[in-house]
Amino acid sequence: MRIAILGKPFSDTIAPFVQMLFDELQRRRAELFLVEQFQLFLKNTINLPTGIQTFGRGDRLQDVDVVLSIGGDGTLLDTVTYVGKLQIPILGINTGRLGFLATIPYESILVAIDALYKGHYALDDRALIRVDSDQEVFGDINFGLNEFSVLKRDTSAMIVVHTYIDGEYLNSYWADGLVVATPTGSTGYSLSCGGPLVLPQTNNFVISPVCPHNLNVRPMIVSDRSVISFEVEGRSSGYLASLDSRSTAVDMHVQLAVRRENFAARLVKLHHVNFLSTLRSKLNWGLDKRNDVLK
């Protein structure tokens, strides 16, 4: 099996488990590819097998069977940008904090690898959001898994985001910003703005204002077949456009629109893990003694 691995630095506590991962992959004679920055960290942290190849952003991974993301949800979001339209399956191993996307605990690394080799998993296609603009904003990586946001800069006054759906005027949001989230991103920034949780396979976007100055403005669910466009105005000369963890300053005159990307992020889902169990675990739902009686 040809396996690419991306990751972020981790603590000494996790190092023995990552060592177990590489030892197991070597035992199974996997052909390994390591992203360059992670390889520099690992060679000073664990004993790497010989013969590992390295790659960087922009290098083709079309012959890879699966990509391992070692880190938190942010690492997996970054991994999606490396894979892009190739739609290579991604397995997220959580060495971070919450782990909505990277659902495999690092203690279960060997169980996950065994399931991968035995084919005991399913593929979960997640919708991506794409940003189009009349001036280059995000370059070739103009897609994301979680959300697109328009935000005020620093401590400046609030902005006004005039928003349109398929060319029809929706609303002018007087706020600190506006978030358009995918179903996957409904558990992220949108959730902290009061947006609803949306099941991953629903074909929707969630529009959530950030700290709106009008109390009767609420988050809204729209079809992901829609094109959502924006005109932004405010007292400053620009604003921030954010796509997952990537942010850039944008001039007020730049025209932006979002739509569903024509390819998806393909996540590896082990049979004992599903979205509802992840919600209960990560959001601490059901912490009530009465639920123990009902099981």
Protein backbone atom coordinates (compact mmCIF):
# COMPACT_ATOMS: atom_id res chain seq x y z
CA MET A 1 0.00 0.00 0.00
CA ARG A 2 1.23 3.50 -0.88
CA ILE A 3 0.61 5.87 2.04
CA ALA A 4 1.22 9.61 2.29
CA ILE A 5 1.52 11.15 5.75
CA LEU A 6 1.00 14.75 6.82
CA GLY A 7 1.16 16.02 10.38
CA LYS A 8 2.02 18.66 12.91
CA PRO A 9 4.51 18.51 15.81
CA PHE A 10 3.27 16.60 18.84
CA SER A 11 4.23 16.14 22.49
CA ASP A 12 6.61 13.56 23.94
CA THR A 13 3.60 11.65 25.29
CA ILE A 14 2.41 10.89 21.78
CA ALA A 15 5.82 10.03 20.28
CA PRO A 16 5.73 6.30 21.29
CA PHE A 17 2.39 5.85 19.49
CA VAL A 18 3.70 7.51 16.32
CA GLN A 19 6.76 5.25 16.54
CA MET A 20 4.38 2.27 16.71
CA LEU A 21 2.65 3.55 13.59
CA PHE A 22 5.84 3.71 11.52
CA ASP A 23 7.06 0.37 12.85
CA GLU A 24 3.76 -1.23 11.86
CA LEU A 25 3.79 0.34 8.39
CA GLN A 26 7.36 -0.85 7.90
CA ARG A 27 6.35 -4.36 8.97
CA ARG A 28 3.57 -4.30 6.39
CA ARG A 29 6.03 -3.08 3.72
CA ALA A 30 4.08 0.09 3.01
CA GLU A 31 5.58 2.57 0.56
CA LEU A 32 5.67 5.83 2.53
CA PHE A 33 5.60 9.48 1.49
CA LEU A 34 6.13 12.21 4.10
CA VAL A 35 5.39 15.90 3.71
CA GLU A 36 8.70 17.74 4.01
CA GLN A 37 8.02 19.87 7.11
CA PHE A 38 6.72 16.90 9.10
CA GLN A 39 9.69 14.77 8.06
CA LEU A 40 12.08 17.37 9.47
CA PHE A 41 10.30 17.17 12.82
CA LEU A 42 10.01 13.38 12.89
CA LYS A 43 13.65 12.63 12.13
CA ASN A 44 14.59 14.35 15.42
CA THR A 45 11.75 12.73 17.35
CA ILE A 46 11.41 9.05 16.36
CA ASN A 47 13.30 6.41 14.39
CA LEU A 48 12.04 6.61 10.82
CA PRO A 49 12.23 3.65 8.43
CA THR A 50 14.61 3.94 5.50
CA GLY A 51 13.38 4.61 1.99
CA ILE A 52 10.76 7.21 2.85
CA GLN A 53 10.10 9.71 0.07
CA THR A 54 9.17 13.34 0.75
CA PHE A 55 6.77 15.67 -1.02
CA GLY A 56 5.69 19.29 -0.83
CA ARG A 57 2.66 21.32 -1.72
CA GLY A 58 1.94 21.06 -5.41
CA ASP A 59 3.58 17.64 -5.84
CA ARG A 60 1.33 15.04 -7.42
CA LEU A 61 -0.02 12.30 -5.16
CA GLN A 62 -2.16 10.50 -7.72
CA ASP A 63 -0.56 7.09 -7.11
CA VAL A 64 -1.15 7.19 -3.32
CA ASP A 65 -3.78 4.84 -1.88
CA VAL A 66 -4.52 6.69 1.35
CA VAL A 67 -3.36 9.81 3.22
CA LEU A 68 -2.84 9.80 6.99
CA SER A 69 -3.40 13.11 8.78
CA ILE A 70 -1.67 13.15 12.19
CA GLY A 71 -2.78 16.10 14.28
CA GLY A 72 -6.05 17.85 15.02
CA ASP A 73 -8.90 19.04 12.86
CA GLY A 74 -6.78 21.91 11.56
CA THR A 75 -4.22 19.42 10.27
CA LEU A 76 -6.94 17.52 8.44
CA LEU A 77 -8.26 20.74 6.90
CA ASP A 78 -4.75 21.40 5.60
CA THR A 79 -4.47 17.82 4.34
CA VAL A 80 -7.58 18.36 2.21
CA THR A 81 -5.76 21.16 0.36
CA TYR A 82 -2.89 18.79 -0.51
CA VAL A 83 -5.26 16.12 -1.85
CA GLY A 84 -7.61 18.45 -3.74
CA LYS A 85 -9.51 17.02 -6.68
CA LEU A 86 -7.64 13.68 -6.49
CA GLN A 87 -10.11 12.68 -3.74
CA ILE A 88 -7.64 10.27 -2.12
CA PRO A 89 -9.13 8.80 1.10
CA ILE A 90 -7.95 10.62 4.23
CA LEU A 91 -7.67 8.97 7.64
CA GLY A 92 -7.47 11.44 10.52
CA ILE A 93 -5.49 10.39 13.62
CA ASN A 94 -6.20 12.79 16.45
CA THR A 95 -3.22 14.07 18.42
CA GLY A 96 -4.91 17.44 18.93
CA ARG A 97 -7.81 18.52 21.09
CA LEU A 98 -11.41 18.16 19.92
CA GLY A 99 -11.25 15.86 16.93
CA PHE A 100 -14.53 16.26 15.04
CA LEU A 101 -12.77 15.34 11.79
CA ALA A 102 -9.69 13.51 13.01
CA THR A 103 -11.75 10.92 14.85
CA ILE A 104 -9.17 8.15 15.51
CA PRO A 105 -7.55 8.50 18.97
CA TYR A 106 -3.78 8.16 18.82
CA GLU A 107 -4.04 5.24 21.26
CA SER A 108 -5.96 3.35 18.53
CA ILE A 109 -3.38 3.82 15.76
CA LEU A 110 -2.67 0.11 15.30
CA VAL A 111 -6.37 -0.79 15.30
CA ALA A 112 -6.97 1.83 12.60
CA ILE A 113 -4.10 0.57 10.41
CA ASP A 114 -5.33 -3.00 10.72
CA ALA A 115 -8.84 -1.93 9.70
CA LEU A 116 -7.37 -0.01 6.77
CA TYR A 117 -5.50 -3.05 5.44
CA LYS A 118 -8.48 -5.35 5.98
CA GLY A 119 -10.90 -2.97 4.28
CA HIS A 120 -13.03 -2.59 7.41
CA TYR A 121 -14.02 0.99 6.77
CA ALA A 122 -16.36 3.19 4.74
CA LEU A 123 -15.69 6.33 2.72
CA ASP A 124 -17.50 9.48 3.76
CA ASP A 125 -17.61 12.13 1.01
CA ARG A 126 -17.81 15.64 2.47
CA ALA A 127 -18.89 18.69 0.46
CA LEU A 128 -16.35 21.47 -0.08
CA ILE A 129 -17.00 25.19 -0.47
CA ARG A 130 -15.36 27.08 -3.35
CA VAL A 131 -14.58 30.80 -3.51
CA ASP A 132 -14.73 32.71 -6.78
CA SER A 133 -13.51 36.31 -7.07
CA ASP A 134 -12.82 38.93 -9.71
CA GLN A 135 -9.28 39.30 -8.32
CA GLU A 136 -7.05 36.49 -7.06
CA VAL A 137 -7.60 35.94 -3.34
CA PHE A 138 -6.73 32.34 -2.43
CA GLY A 139 -4.79 31.35 -5.54
CA ASP A 140 -5.12 27.74 -6.66
CA ILE A 141 -6.34 26.60 -3.24
CA ASN A 142 -9.70 28.36 -3.37
CA PHE A 143 -11.68 25.61 -1.66
CA GLY A 144 -12.22 24.52 1.93
CA LEU A 145 -13.94 21.86 3.97
CA ASN A 146 -15.37 23.91 6.83
CA GLU A 147 -16.34 27.45 5.97
CA PHE A 148 -15.77 30.74 4.21
CA SER A 149 -15.88 33.90 6.33
CA VAL A 150 -15.96 37.63 5.72
CA LEU A 151 -14.68 39.45 8.81
CA LYS A 152 -13.84 42.96 9.94
CA ARG A 153 -10.15 43.73 10.36
CA ASP A 154 -8.58 44.08 13.81
CA THR A 155 -10.55 46.42 16.06
CA SER A 156 -12.20 48.46 13.31
CA ALA A 157 -15.89 49.27 13.24
CA MET A 158 -18.35 46.64 12.09
CA ILE A 159 -18.82 46.01 8.39
CA VAL A 160 -21.91 45.69 6.24
CA VAL A 161 -22.12 42.51 4.16
CA HIS A 162 -24.70 42.82 1.40
CA THR A 163 -25.57 39.22 0.57
CA TYR A 164 -27.25 37.71 -2.50
CA ILE A 165 -28.47 34.20 -3.28
CA ASP A 166 -28.40 33.36 -6.99
CA GLY A 167 -28.37 37.07 -7.72
CA GLU A 168 -31.39 37.87 -5.55
CA TYR A 169 -30.88 40.20 -2.60
CA LEU A 170 -31.06 38.42 0.78
CA ASN A 171 -29.97 40.89 3.45
CA SER A 172 -27.43 43.48 4.51
CA TYR A 173 -25.71 42.16 7.62
CA TRP A 174 -24.43 44.87 9.96
CA ALA A 175 -22.02 42.73 11.95
CA ASP A 176 -18.44 41.77 12.71
CA GLY A 177 -18.69 39.40 9.77
CA LEU A 178 -20.51 36.56 8.08
CA VAL A 179 -19.81 32.82 7.95
CA VAL A 180 -20.94 30.45 5.20
CA ALA A 181 -20.39 26.90 6.44
CA THR A 182 -20.65 23.48 4.86
CA PRO A 183 -22.43 20.72 6.82
CA THR A 184 -18.98 19.63 8.04
CA GLY A 185 -18.24 23.20 9.14
CA SER A 186 -21.51 23.44 11.06
CA THR A 187 -19.63 22.10 14.11
CA GLY A 188 -16.95 24.80 13.79
CA TYR A 189 -17.01 28.60 13.64
CA SER A 190 -20.66 28.63 12.58
CA LEU A 191 -21.64 26.77 15.76
CA SER A 192 -19.96 29.39 17.94
CA CYS A 193 -21.99 32.03 16.08
CA GLY A 194 -25.26 30.31 17.00
CA GLY A 195 -25.62 28.31 13.79
CA PRO A 196 -27.38 24.92 13.74
CA LEU A 197 -25.73 21.51 13.57
CA VAL A 198 -26.26 19.95 10.15
CA LEU A 199 -25.77 16.29 9.26
CA PRO A 200 -22.80 15.81 6.90
CA GLN A 201 -24.77 14.37 3.98
CA THR A 202 -27.34 17.15 3.74
CA ASN A 203 -26.92 19.36 0.68
CA ASN A 204 -26.89 22.71 2.44
CA PHE A 205 -24.89 25.75 3.40
CA VAL A 206 -25.38 27.59 6.70
CA ILE A 207 -25.20 31.41 6.65
CA SER A 208 -24.39 32.73 10.14
CA PRO A 209 -23.73 36.38 11.04
CA VAL A 210 -20.88 37.09 13.46
CA CYS A 211 -22.03 39.36 16.31
CA PRO A 212 -24.86 41.01 14.31
CA HIS A 213 -26.03 44.45 15.38
CA ASN A 214 -29.65 43.46 14.81
CA LEU A 215 -31.10 40.99 17.31
CA ASN A 216 -33.70 39.55 14.94
CA VAL A 217 -31.10 38.40 12.40
CA ARG A 218 -30.65 34.64 12.66
CA PRO A 219 -28.60 31.93 10.92
CA MET A 220 -30.14 30.58 7.74
CA ILE A 221 -29.88 27.26 5.88
CA VAL A 222 -29.80 27.41 2.07
CA SER A 223 -29.27 24.86 -0.69
CA ASP A 224 -25.66 24.20 -1.65
CA ARG A 225 -26.76 24.45 -5.27
CA SER A 226 -27.00 28.18 -4.67
CA VAL A 227 -24.35 30.76 -5.49
CA ILE A 228 -23.94 33.15 -2.57
CA SER A 229 -22.30 36.48 -3.42
CA PHE A 230 -21.22 39.44 -1.32
CA GLU A 231 -20.61 43.16 -1.47
CA VAL A 232 -18.80 44.50 1.58
CA GLU A 233 -18.59 48.06 2.82
CA GLY A 234 -17.26 49.70 5.96
CA ARG A 235 -15.16 52.50 7.37
CA SER A 236 -11.83 50.80 6.72
CA SER A 237 -10.33 50.17 3.29
CA GLY A 238 -10.63 46.40 3.46
CA TYR A 239 -11.72 43.31 5.34
CA LEU A 240 -10.55 39.76 5.99
CA ALA A 241 -11.61 36.84 3.85
CA SER A 242 -11.03 33.49 5.54
CA LEU A 243 -11.22 29.99 4.07
CA ASP A 244 -10.89 27.40 6.81
CA SER A 245 -7.61 28.35 8.53
CA ARG A 246 -6.33 30.62 5.74
CA SER A 247 -7.01 34.37 5.96
CA THR A 248 -6.08 37.25 3.71
CA ALA A 249 -6.79 40.98 3.60
CA VAL A 250 -9.14 41.96 0.77
CA ASP A 251 -9.97 45.37 -0.68
CA MET A 252 -13.57 46.50 -0.38
CA HIS A 253 -13.95 46.59 -4.17
CA VAL A 254 -13.20 42.87 -4.67
CA GLN A 255 -16.26 40.83 -5.68
CA LEU A 256 -16.60 37.45 -3.92
CA ALA A 257 -18.99 34.53 -4.30
CA VAL A 258 -19.12 30.99 -2.94
CA ARG A 259 -20.57 27.78 -4.31
CA ARG A 260 -20.20 24.05 -3.78
CA GLU A 261 -16.97 22.66 -5.22
CA ASN A 262 -17.35 20.00 -7.94
CA PHE A 263 -15.22 17.49 -6.01
CA ALA A 264 -15.35 16.31 -2.41
CA ALA A 265 -13.11 15.46 0.54
CA ARG A 266 -13.16 11.69 1.01
CA LEU A 267 -12.74 10.75 4.68
CA VAL A 268 -12.08 7.24 5.94
CA LYS A 269 -14.69 6.24 8.51
CA LEU A 270 -14.15 3.16 10.63
CA HIS A 271 -17.25 1.06 11.22
CA HIS A 272 -17.57 1.89 14.93
CA VAL A 273 -17.40 5.66 14.33
CA ASN A 274 -20.26 7.82 13.03
CA PHE A 275 -21.23 11.48 13.12
CA LEU A 276 -23.87 11.08 15.83
CA SER A 277 -21.53 9.23 18.18
CA THR A 278 -18.92 11.91 17.54
CA LEU A 279 -21.43 14.63 18.48
CA ARG A 280 -22.30 12.88 21.73
CA SER A 281 -18.64 12.37 22.58
CA LYS A 282 -17.18 15.75 21.60
CA LEU A 283 -20.07 17.95 22.79
CA ASN A 284 -20.64 15.91 25.96
CA TRP A 285 -24.23 15.17 25.08
CA GLY A 286 -26.08 12.70 27.26
CA LEU A 287 -24.13 13.35 30.46
CA ASP A 288 -27.18 12.43 32.51
CA LYS A 289 -27.46 9.38 34.77
CA ARG A 290 -30.96 8.70 33.39
CA ASN A 291 -29.42 7.90 30.00
CA ASP A 292 -27.49 4.98 31.51
CA VAL A 293 -30.81 3.32 32.38
CA LEU A 294 -32.05 3.67 28.80
CA LYS A 295 -29.04 1.98 27.18
